[in-house]
Amino acid sequence: MSFTCKGCPDRTPGCHDHCEKYQKEKAEYEARKQEVDKARAIRQSVEDQRYTAIGKAVKTHGRKYRGLRG
């Protein structure tokens, strides 16, 4: 993620504390990051459920179980 700081003529050490452009862009970045993290968590839970089901089927039917893909 590259913020507006690169090439900013007003850039000084510690300017992130009071720079409105940076704070606005950082807030937008954090909002997008939360959306991505939420989607990733949902996908991970679905994958966990799938692998749990496959593990149970393998225990029940042995290694020959191939799942939905046949």
N, C-alpha and C. Protein backbone atom coordinates (compact mmCIF):
# COMPACT_ATOMS: atom_id res chain seq x y z
N MET A 1 0.85 -1.17 0.00
CA MET A 1 0.00 0.00 0.00
C MET A 1 0.88 1.22 0.00
N SER A 2 0.74 2.06 -0.98
CA SER A 2 1.48 3.32 -1.00
C SER A 2 0.53 4.45 -0.67
N PHE A 3 0.88 5.20 0.32
CA PHE A 3 0.05 6.30 0.75
C PHE A 3 0.47 7.58 0.03
N THR A 4 -0.23 8.65 0.29
CA THR A 4 0.01 9.92 -0.40
C THR A 4 1.32 10.57 0.01
N CYS A 5 2.06 10.01 0.92
CA CYS A 5 3.29 10.61 1.42
C CYS A 5 4.40 10.65 0.37
N LYS A 6 4.44 9.65 -0.49
CA LYS A 6 5.51 9.59 -1.47
C LYS A 6 5.40 10.79 -2.41
N GLY A 7 6.43 11.59 -2.42
CA GLY A 7 6.46 12.76 -3.28
C GLY A 7 5.71 13.97 -2.73
N CYS A 8 5.27 13.92 -1.50
CA CYS A 8 4.51 15.03 -0.90
C CYS A 8 5.48 16.16 -0.54
N PRO A 9 5.21 17.38 -1.01
CA PRO A 9 6.12 18.50 -0.70
C PRO A 9 6.04 18.94 0.77
N ASP A 10 4.96 18.60 1.46
CA ASP A 10 4.80 19.00 2.86
C ASP A 10 5.29 17.93 3.83
N ARG A 11 5.95 16.92 3.32
CA ARG A 11 6.37 15.80 4.16
C ARG A 11 7.50 16.21 5.11
N THR A 12 7.32 15.90 6.37
CA THR A 12 8.33 16.15 7.39
C THR A 12 8.30 14.95 8.35
N PRO A 13 9.33 14.80 9.17
CA PRO A 13 9.30 13.71 10.15
C PRO A 13 8.12 13.88 11.11
N GLY A 14 7.34 12.83 11.27
CA GLY A 14 6.21 12.86 12.19
C GLY A 14 4.97 13.55 11.67
N CYS A 15 4.89 13.79 10.37
CA CYS A 15 3.73 14.52 9.84
C CYS A 15 2.46 13.66 9.79
N HIS A 16 2.59 12.34 9.99
CA HIS A 16 1.41 11.47 9.95
C HIS A 16 0.42 11.80 11.05
N ASP A 17 0.89 12.40 12.12
CA ASP A 17 0.01 12.72 13.24
C ASP A 17 -1.03 13.76 12.89
N HIS A 18 -0.71 14.68 12.00
CA HIS A 18 -1.63 15.78 11.71
C HIS A 18 -1.96 15.95 10.23
N CYS A 19 -1.46 15.10 9.37
CA CYS A 19 -1.72 15.21 7.94
C CYS A 19 -3.12 14.64 7.63
N GLU A 20 -4.00 15.50 7.15
CA GLU A 20 -5.39 15.09 6.87
C GLU A 20 -5.45 14.12 5.70
N LYS A 21 -4.63 14.35 4.67
CA LYS A 21 -4.63 13.46 3.51
C LYS A 21 -4.22 12.05 3.92
N TYR A 22 -3.18 11.96 4.74
CA TYR A 22 -2.72 10.64 5.19
C TYR A 22 -3.77 9.96 6.04
N GLN A 23 -4.35 10.68 6.98
CA GLN A 23 -5.33 10.08 7.88
C GLN A 23 -6.57 9.60 7.12
N LYS A 24 -6.99 10.36 6.11
CA LYS A 24 -8.15 9.95 5.31
C LYS A 24 -7.82 8.68 4.52
N GLU A 25 -6.67 8.66 3.88
CA GLU A 25 -6.28 7.49 3.09
C GLU A 25 -6.05 6.28 3.98
N LYS A 26 -5.49 6.47 5.17
CA LYS A 26 -5.27 5.38 6.10
C LYS A 26 -6.61 4.80 6.57
N ALA A 27 -7.62 5.65 6.82
CA ALA A 27 -8.94 5.19 7.24
C ALA A 27 -9.59 4.36 6.13
N GLU A 28 -9.48 4.82 4.87
CA GLU A 28 -10.02 4.07 3.74
C GLU A 28 -9.32 2.72 3.61
N TYR A 29 -8.00 2.72 3.79
CA TYR A 29 -7.22 1.48 3.71
C TYR A 29 -7.66 0.50 4.79
N GLU A 30 -7.84 0.98 6.00
CA GLU A 30 -8.26 0.11 7.11
C GLU A 30 -9.65 -0.45 6.85
N ALA A 31 -10.56 0.35 6.28
CA ALA A 31 -11.91 -0.13 5.97
C ALA A 31 -11.86 -1.25 4.92
N ARG A 32 -11.06 -1.05 3.88
CA ARG A 32 -10.92 -2.10 2.86
C ARG A 32 -10.27 -3.35 3.45
N LYS A 33 -9.30 -3.14 4.32
CA LYS A 33 -8.61 -4.26 4.95
C LYS A 33 -9.58 -5.08 5.81
N GLN A 34 -10.47 -4.42 6.52
CA GLN A 34 -11.46 -5.13 7.33
C GLN A 34 -12.39 -5.97 6.45
N GLU A 35 -12.80 -5.42 5.30
CA GLU A 35 -13.65 -6.17 4.38
C GLU A 35 -12.93 -7.42 3.87
N VAL A 36 -11.68 -7.25 3.50
CA VAL A 36 -10.90 -8.38 3.00
C VAL A 36 -10.70 -9.42 4.10
N ASP A 37 -10.40 -8.97 5.30
CA ASP A 37 -10.20 -9.90 6.42
C ASP A 37 -11.48 -10.67 6.73
N LYS A 38 -12.63 -9.99 6.64
CA LYS A 38 -13.90 -10.65 6.90
C LYS A 38 -14.16 -11.72 5.83
N ALA A 39 -13.93 -11.38 4.57
CA ALA A 39 -14.12 -12.35 3.49
C ALA A 39 -13.16 -13.52 3.64
N ARG A 40 -11.93 -13.23 4.04
CA ARG A 40 -10.94 -14.29 4.23
C ARG A 40 -11.36 -15.22 5.37
N ALA A 41 -11.90 -14.66 6.44
CA ALA A 41 -12.34 -15.48 7.57
C ALA A 41 -13.50 -16.39 7.16
N ILE A 42 -14.41 -15.88 6.38
CA ILE A 42 -15.54 -16.69 5.91
C ILE A 42 -15.03 -17.82 5.02
N ARG A 43 -14.15 -17.50 4.09
CA ARG A 43 -13.60 -18.52 3.21
C ARG A 43 -12.84 -19.58 4.00
N GLN A 44 -12.08 -19.15 5.00
CA GLN A 44 -11.31 -20.10 5.80
C GLN A 44 -12.24 -21.02 6.59
N SER A 45 -13.35 -20.48 7.12
CA SER A 45 -14.26 -21.34 7.88
C SER A 45 -14.91 -22.38 6.97
N VAL A 46 -15.22 -22.00 5.74
CA VAL A 46 -15.80 -22.95 4.79
C VAL A 46 -14.79 -24.04 4.46
N GLU A 47 -13.53 -23.65 4.25
CA GLU A 47 -12.50 -24.64 3.96
C GLU A 47 -12.28 -25.56 5.16
N ASP A 48 -12.33 -25.01 6.36
CA ASP A 48 -12.17 -25.84 7.56
C ASP A 48 -13.28 -26.87 7.65
N GLN A 49 -14.51 -26.45 7.37
CA GLN A 49 -15.64 -27.38 7.39
C GLN A 49 -15.46 -28.47 6.35
N ARG A 50 -14.99 -28.09 5.19
CA ARG A 50 -14.80 -29.06 4.11
C ARG A 50 -13.76 -30.10 4.49
N TYR A 51 -12.63 -29.65 5.01
CA TYR A 51 -11.58 -30.59 5.38
C TYR A 51 -11.97 -31.46 6.56
N THR A 52 -12.78 -30.92 7.46
CA THR A 52 -13.29 -31.73 8.56
C THR A 52 -14.19 -32.84 8.02
N ALA A 53 -15.07 -32.49 7.09
CA ALA A 53 -15.97 -33.48 6.50
C ALA A 53 -15.18 -34.54 5.74
N ILE A 54 -14.17 -34.12 5.02
CA ILE A 54 -13.36 -35.09 4.27
C ILE A 54 -12.62 -36.01 5.24
N GLY A 55 -12.10 -35.44 6.33
CA GLY A 55 -11.40 -36.26 7.32
C GLY A 55 -12.32 -37.30 7.93
N LYS A 56 -13.56 -36.93 8.23
CA LYS A 56 -14.52 -37.87 8.79
C LYS A 56 -14.85 -38.97 7.77
N ALA A 57 -15.00 -38.57 6.50
CA ALA A 57 -15.33 -39.55 5.47
C ALA A 57 -14.18 -40.53 5.26
N VAL A 58 -12.97 -40.05 5.33
CA VAL A 58 -11.81 -40.93 5.18
C VAL A 58 -11.75 -41.91 6.34
N LYS A 59 -12.04 -41.43 7.54
CA LYS A 59 -12.05 -42.35 8.69
C LYS A 59 -13.14 -43.41 8.53
N THR A 60 -14.29 -43.01 8.00
CA THR A 60 -15.40 -43.93 7.84
C THR A 60 -15.18 -44.90 6.68
N HIS A 61 -14.78 -44.38 5.53
CA HIS A 61 -14.71 -45.18 4.31
C HIS A 61 -13.30 -45.58 3.90
N GLY A 62 -12.32 -45.09 4.57
CA GLY A 62 -10.94 -45.41 4.23
C GLY A 62 -10.40 -44.44 3.19
N ARG A 63 -9.19 -44.70 2.76
CA ARG A 63 -8.50 -43.80 1.83
C ARG A 63 -9.13 -43.77 0.44
N LYS A 64 -10.01 -44.67 0.12
CA LYS A 64 -10.62 -44.70 -1.21
C LYS A 64 -11.63 -43.59 -1.42
N TYR A 65 -12.02 -42.93 -0.33
CA TYR A 65 -13.02 -41.86 -0.46
C TYR A 65 -12.47 -40.73 -1.29
N ARG A 66 -13.24 -40.31 -2.31
CA ARG A 66 -12.79 -39.24 -3.20
C ARG A 66 -13.68 -38.01 -3.15
N GLY A 67 -14.70 -38.00 -2.35
CA GLY A 67 -15.55 -36.82 -2.20
C GLY A 67 -16.44 -36.58 -3.39
N LEU A 68 -16.76 -35.32 -3.61
CA LEU A 68 -17.70 -34.96 -4.67
C LEU A 68 -17.10 -35.09 -6.06
N ARG A 69 -15.79 -35.06 -6.15
CA ARG A 69 -15.14 -35.09 -7.45
C ARG A 69 -15.02 -36.50 -8.02
N GLY A 70 -15.38 -37.45 -7.27
CA GLY A 70 -15.51 -38.81 -7.76
C GLY A 70 -14.28 -39.57 -7.87
